[in-house]
Amino acid sequence: MIARFIAIALAGFCALAAPPASANQGFELVNPSSTASIVGLSYARHGSYEDGWDIVDLTPIGPRATGSFTLDETACYQDLKVRFDDGYERIFLNVDICDGGAVVAN
């Protein structure tokens, strides 16, 4: 009886101590360009970028470099817009910003 109570109590404690499934681990933004720097990064909840983009304050990411980001968002799936200093822009749809992965901006 006591062992069962302890097992139930430990299971409840472990459930409380575990991070939520949507814990934001952030992501890396990889610039594969040999000449252009990434100078802009914006994001919007997936499917709602037509309502406007939130702009990330970033230090430019030079050619063949990587930047790490953790966005202050509760939803893991976001649309990202990347802007290069040569004027090229690219939109990435439905990016999981919580899994700790990388986005290669090519």
N, C-alpha and C. Protein backbone atom coordinates (compact mmCIF):
# COMPACT_ATOMS: atom_id res chain seq x y z
N MET A 1 0.83 -1.19 0.00
CA MET A 1 0.00 0.00 0.00
C MET A 1 0.87 1.26 0.00
N ILE A 2 1.87 1.27 0.88
CA ILE A 2 2.77 2.43 0.95
C ILE A 2 3.58 2.55 -0.33
N ALA A 3 4.04 1.43 -0.87
CA ALA A 3 4.81 1.45 -2.12
C ALA A 3 3.97 2.02 -3.26
N ARG A 4 2.69 1.65 -3.30
CA ARG A 4 1.81 2.16 -4.35
C ARG A 4 1.64 3.67 -4.20
N PHE A 5 1.47 4.15 -2.98
CA PHE A 5 1.32 5.58 -2.73
C PHE A 5 2.57 6.34 -3.17
N ILE A 6 3.74 5.79 -2.85
CA ILE A 6 5.01 6.42 -3.23
C ILE A 6 5.15 6.46 -4.75
N ALA A 7 4.77 5.37 -5.43
CA ALA A 7 4.87 5.32 -6.89
C ALA A 7 3.96 6.38 -7.52
N ILE A 8 2.75 6.52 -7.00
CA ILE A 8 1.82 7.52 -7.53
C ILE A 8 2.35 8.93 -7.27
N ALA A 9 2.87 9.16 -6.08
CA ALA A 9 3.42 10.47 -5.75
C ALA A 9 4.61 10.81 -6.63
N LEU A 10 5.49 9.85 -6.88
CA LEU A 10 6.66 10.09 -7.74
C LEU A 10 6.23 10.36 -9.18
N ALA A 11 5.24 9.63 -9.65
CA ALA A 11 4.77 9.85 -11.02
C ALA A 11 4.20 11.26 -11.16
N GLY A 12 3.46 11.70 -10.19
CA GLY A 12 2.91 13.06 -10.22
C GLY A 12 4.00 14.10 -10.16
N PHE A 13 5.00 13.88 -9.32
CA PHE A 13 6.12 14.82 -9.21
C PHE A 13 6.89 14.90 -10.52
N CYS A 14 7.14 13.77 -11.15
CA CYS A 14 7.88 13.76 -12.42
C CYS A 14 7.09 14.48 -13.51
N ALA A 15 5.77 14.32 -13.51
CA ALA A 15 4.96 15.00 -14.51
C ALA A 15 5.04 16.52 -14.32
N LEU A 16 5.10 16.97 -13.08
CA LEU A 16 5.21 18.40 -12.81
C LEU A 16 6.59 18.95 -13.17
N ALA A 17 7.62 18.13 -12.98
CA ALA A 17 8.98 18.59 -13.20
C ALA A 17 9.37 18.59 -14.68
N ALA A 18 8.68 17.83 -15.50
CA ALA A 18 9.03 17.74 -16.92
C ALA A 18 8.64 19.03 -17.65
N PRO A 19 9.48 19.48 -18.58
CA PRO A 19 9.12 20.68 -19.34
C PRO A 19 7.94 20.39 -20.25
N PRO A 20 7.15 21.40 -20.58
CA PRO A 20 6.03 21.18 -21.49
C PRO A 20 6.51 20.74 -22.86
N ALA A 21 5.66 20.04 -23.58
CA ALA A 21 6.03 19.52 -24.89
C ALA A 21 6.39 20.65 -25.86
N SER A 22 5.84 21.83 -25.65
CA SER A 22 6.10 22.93 -26.56
C SER A 22 7.22 23.85 -26.07
N ALA A 23 8.07 23.37 -25.17
CA ALA A 23 9.17 24.20 -24.67
C ALA A 23 10.02 24.67 -25.85
N ASN A 24 10.26 25.96 -25.93
CA ASN A 24 10.95 26.55 -27.06
C ASN A 24 12.46 26.40 -26.88
N GLN A 25 13.06 25.51 -27.68
CA GLN A 25 14.51 25.30 -27.64
C GLN A 25 15.22 26.21 -28.62
N GLY A 26 14.46 26.94 -29.42
CA GLY A 26 15.06 27.84 -30.38
C GLY A 26 15.46 27.12 -31.66
N PHE A 27 16.15 27.87 -32.52
CA PHE A 27 16.59 27.32 -33.80
C PHE A 27 17.82 28.08 -34.27
N GLU A 28 18.51 27.51 -35.24
CA GLU A 28 19.65 28.16 -35.86
C GLU A 28 19.27 28.60 -37.26
N LEU A 29 19.73 29.79 -37.64
CA LEU A 29 19.54 30.29 -38.99
C LEU A 29 20.89 30.26 -39.68
N VAL A 30 20.99 29.44 -40.71
CA VAL A 30 22.24 29.22 -41.43
C VAL A 30 22.24 30.03 -42.72
N ASN A 31 23.31 30.80 -42.92
CA ASN A 31 23.48 31.57 -44.14
C ASN A 31 24.50 30.86 -45.02
N PRO A 32 24.03 30.16 -46.08
CA PRO A 32 24.97 29.44 -46.94
C PRO A 32 25.59 30.31 -48.04
N SER A 33 25.15 31.56 -48.14
CA SER A 33 25.66 32.44 -49.19
C SER A 33 27.15 32.71 -49.01
N SER A 34 27.85 32.82 -50.13
CA SER A 34 29.28 33.14 -50.07
C SER A 34 29.51 34.64 -50.18
N THR A 35 28.46 35.42 -50.45
CA THR A 35 28.65 36.86 -50.64
C THR A 35 27.70 37.74 -49.84
N ALA A 36 26.47 37.31 -49.62
CA ALA A 36 25.46 38.18 -48.99
C ALA A 36 25.29 37.86 -47.50
N SER A 37 25.01 38.90 -46.73
CA SER A 37 24.72 38.75 -45.29
C SER A 37 23.22 38.78 -45.07
N ILE A 38 22.76 38.07 -44.06
CA ILE A 38 21.37 38.15 -43.65
C ILE A 38 21.24 39.37 -42.76
N VAL A 39 20.36 40.29 -43.15
CA VAL A 39 20.21 41.54 -42.40
C VAL A 39 18.82 41.70 -41.81
N GLY A 40 17.90 40.78 -42.13
CA GLY A 40 16.55 40.88 -41.60
C GLY A 40 15.94 39.53 -41.32
N LEU A 41 15.24 39.43 -40.21
CA LEU A 41 14.49 38.23 -39.85
C LEU A 41 13.19 38.67 -39.23
N SER A 42 12.09 38.17 -39.78
CA SER A 42 10.76 38.46 -39.26
C SER A 42 10.01 37.15 -39.10
N TYR A 43 8.99 37.17 -38.24
CA TYR A 43 8.20 35.95 -38.03
C TYR A 43 6.74 36.30 -37.79
N ALA A 44 5.90 35.31 -38.06
CA ALA A 44 4.46 35.43 -37.82
C ALA A 44 3.94 34.02 -37.52
N ARG A 45 2.92 33.93 -36.70
CA ARG A 45 2.31 32.63 -36.44
C ARG A 45 1.92 32.01 -37.78
N HIS A 46 2.18 30.71 -37.94
CA HIS A 46 1.95 30.04 -39.21
C HIS A 46 0.56 30.34 -39.77
N GLY A 47 0.54 30.77 -41.02
CA GLY A 47 -0.70 31.04 -41.71
C GLY A 47 -1.26 32.43 -41.50
N SER A 48 -0.59 33.27 -40.69
CA SER A 48 -1.15 34.60 -40.41
C SER A 48 -0.19 35.73 -40.77
N TYR A 49 0.81 35.48 -41.61
CA TYR A 49 1.77 36.54 -41.90
C TYR A 49 1.14 37.70 -42.67
N GLU A 50 0.00 37.47 -43.30
CA GLU A 50 -0.66 38.58 -44.00
C GLU A 50 -1.15 39.63 -43.01
N ASP A 51 -1.27 39.25 -41.72
CA ASP A 51 -1.65 40.21 -40.68
C ASP A 51 -0.47 41.05 -40.21
N GLY A 52 0.72 40.76 -40.69
CA GLY A 52 1.91 41.52 -40.32
C GLY A 52 2.99 40.62 -39.71
N TRP A 53 4.20 41.08 -39.85
CA TRP A 53 5.37 40.35 -39.36
C TRP A 53 5.90 41.00 -38.09
N ASP A 54 6.40 40.19 -37.18
CA ASP A 54 7.15 40.67 -36.02
C ASP A 54 8.62 40.65 -36.41
N ILE A 55 9.30 41.77 -36.18
CA ILE A 55 10.69 41.91 -36.61
C ILE A 55 11.63 41.53 -35.46
N VAL A 56 12.63 40.74 -35.78
CA VAL A 56 13.65 40.33 -34.82
C VAL A 56 14.81 41.31 -34.91
N ASP A 57 15.25 41.80 -33.77
CA ASP A 57 16.43 42.66 -33.72
C ASP A 57 17.66 41.76 -33.78
N LEU A 58 18.38 41.79 -34.90
CA LEU A 58 19.50 40.87 -35.03
C LEU A 58 20.75 41.58 -35.53
N THR A 59 21.86 41.03 -35.14
CA THR A 59 23.14 41.42 -35.71
C THR A 59 23.26 40.68 -37.03
N PRO A 60 23.66 41.36 -38.11
CA PRO A 60 23.74 40.66 -39.41
C PRO A 60 24.53 39.36 -39.31
N ILE A 61 24.04 38.37 -40.06
CA ILE A 61 24.70 37.07 -40.13
C ILE A 61 25.48 37.04 -41.43
N GLY A 62 26.77 37.05 -41.31
CA GLY A 62 27.64 37.12 -42.48
C GLY A 62 27.58 35.88 -43.35
N PRO A 63 28.24 35.97 -44.52
CA PRO A 63 28.29 34.83 -45.42
C PRO A 63 28.87 33.59 -44.74
N ARG A 64 28.22 32.46 -44.98
CA ARG A 64 28.65 31.15 -44.44
C ARG A 64 28.75 31.16 -42.92
N ALA A 65 27.82 31.86 -42.28
CA ALA A 65 27.78 31.93 -40.81
C ALA A 65 26.41 31.48 -40.32
N THR A 66 26.30 31.33 -39.01
CA THR A 66 25.07 30.85 -38.38
C THR A 66 24.72 31.73 -37.20
N GLY A 67 23.44 32.00 -37.02
CA GLY A 67 22.94 32.72 -35.86
C GLY A 67 21.94 31.86 -35.11
N SER A 68 21.88 32.01 -33.79
CA SER A 68 20.94 31.25 -32.97
C SER A 68 19.85 32.17 -32.44
N PHE A 69 18.61 31.67 -32.46
CA PHE A 69 17.47 32.48 -32.06
C PHE A 69 16.50 31.68 -31.21
N THR A 70 15.93 32.35 -30.24
CA THR A 70 14.80 31.83 -29.49
C THR A 70 13.76 32.95 -29.49
N LEU A 71 12.66 32.72 -30.17
CA LEU A 71 11.62 33.73 -30.28
C LEU A 71 10.69 33.64 -29.08
N ASP A 72 10.20 34.76 -28.65
CA ASP A 72 9.29 34.82 -27.51
C ASP A 72 7.88 34.50 -28.00
N GLU A 73 7.65 33.24 -28.29
CA GLU A 73 6.39 32.79 -28.85
C GLU A 73 5.94 31.52 -28.15
N THR A 74 4.65 31.35 -28.01
CA THR A 74 4.12 30.12 -27.41
C THR A 74 3.82 29.08 -28.47
N ALA A 75 3.55 29.50 -29.70
CA ALA A 75 3.27 28.56 -30.78
C ALA A 75 4.58 28.16 -31.45
N CYS A 76 4.79 26.87 -31.59
CA CYS A 76 6.05 26.40 -32.17
C CYS A 76 6.14 26.60 -33.68
N TYR A 77 5.01 26.56 -34.37
CA TYR A 77 5.06 26.65 -35.83
C TYR A 77 4.85 28.08 -36.28
N GLN A 78 5.88 28.62 -36.92
CA GLN A 78 5.91 30.01 -37.35
C GLN A 78 6.30 30.08 -38.83
N ASP A 79 5.92 31.17 -39.46
CA ASP A 79 6.41 31.49 -40.79
C ASP A 79 7.55 32.49 -40.60
N LEU A 80 8.66 32.28 -41.29
CA LEU A 80 9.84 33.14 -41.17
C LEU A 80 10.11 33.84 -42.49
N LYS A 81 10.53 35.10 -42.40
CA LYS A 81 10.96 35.84 -43.58
C LYS A 81 12.40 36.28 -43.34
N VAL A 82 13.27 35.92 -44.27
CA VAL A 82 14.68 36.24 -44.18
C VAL A 82 15.02 37.22 -45.30
N ARG A 83 15.76 38.28 -44.95
CA ARG A 83 16.16 39.29 -45.93
C ARG A 83 17.68 39.40 -45.96
N PHE A 84 18.23 39.39 -47.19
CA PHE A 84 19.67 39.52 -47.39
C PHE A 84 20.02 40.95 -47.77
N ASP A 85 21.29 41.33 -47.59
CA ASP A 85 21.71 42.70 -47.90
C ASP A 85 21.73 43.00 -49.39
N ASP A 86 21.59 41.98 -50.24
CA ASP A 86 21.51 42.22 -51.68
C ASP A 86 20.06 42.39 -52.15
N GLY A 87 19.10 42.42 -51.20
CA GLY A 87 17.70 42.63 -51.53
C GLY A 87 16.87 41.36 -51.65
N TYR A 88 17.52 40.21 -51.72
CA TYR A 88 16.80 38.94 -51.83
C TYR A 88 16.05 38.64 -50.53
N GLU A 89 14.79 38.21 -50.66
CA GLU A 89 13.99 37.80 -49.50
C GLU A 89 13.46 36.40 -49.75
N ARG A 90 13.32 35.66 -48.66
CA ARG A 90 12.80 34.30 -48.75
C ARG A 90 11.87 34.06 -47.58
N ILE A 91 10.71 33.45 -47.85
CA ILE A 91 9.76 33.11 -46.79
C ILE A 91 9.77 31.60 -46.60
N PHE A 92 9.87 31.18 -45.36
CA PHE A 92 9.82 29.77 -44.98
C PHE A 92 8.54 29.56 -44.19
N LEU A 93 7.69 28.66 -44.66
CA LEU A 93 6.39 28.43 -44.03
C LEU A 93 6.43 27.25 -43.08
N ASN A 94 5.70 27.38 -41.97
CA ASN A 94 5.47 26.28 -41.04
C ASN A 94 6.76 25.71 -40.44
N VAL A 95 7.61 26.59 -39.95
CA VAL A 95 8.89 26.20 -39.36
C VAL A 95 8.69 25.93 -37.87
N ASP A 96 9.18 24.77 -37.41
CA ASP A 96 9.12 24.45 -35.97
C ASP A 96 10.29 25.14 -35.29
N ILE A 97 10.00 26.23 -34.58
CA ILE A 97 11.06 27.00 -33.92
C ILE A 97 11.38 26.46 -32.54
N CYS A 98 10.71 25.40 -32.13
CA CYS A 98 10.89 24.87 -30.78
C CYS A 98 11.80 23.64 -30.72
N ASP A 99 12.10 23.04 -31.85
CA ASP A 99 12.78 21.75 -31.80
C ASP A 99 14.30 21.83 -31.77
N GLY A 100 14.87 23.03 -31.83
CA GLY A 100 16.32 23.15 -31.79
C GLY A 100 16.98 22.88 -33.12
N GLY A 101 16.22 22.81 -34.21
CA GLY A 101 16.77 22.51 -35.52
C GLY A 101 17.36 23.73 -36.19
N ALA A 102 17.67 23.56 -37.48
CA ALA A 102 18.29 24.63 -38.26
C ALA A 102 17.43 24.96 -39.48
N VAL A 103 17.44 26.24 -39.85
CA VAL A 103 16.82 26.70 -41.08
C VAL A 103 17.96 27.20 -41.98
N VAL A 104 18.10 26.58 -43.14
CA VAL A 104 19.13 27.00 -44.08
C VAL A 104 18.48 27.98 -45.05
N ALA A 105 18.92 29.23 -45.01
CA ALA A 105 18.30 30.31 -45.79
C ALA A 105 18.88 30.36 -47.18
N ASN A 106 18.48 29.44 -48.04
CA ASN A 106 18.98 29.46 -49.42
C ASN A 106 17.86 29.68 -50.39
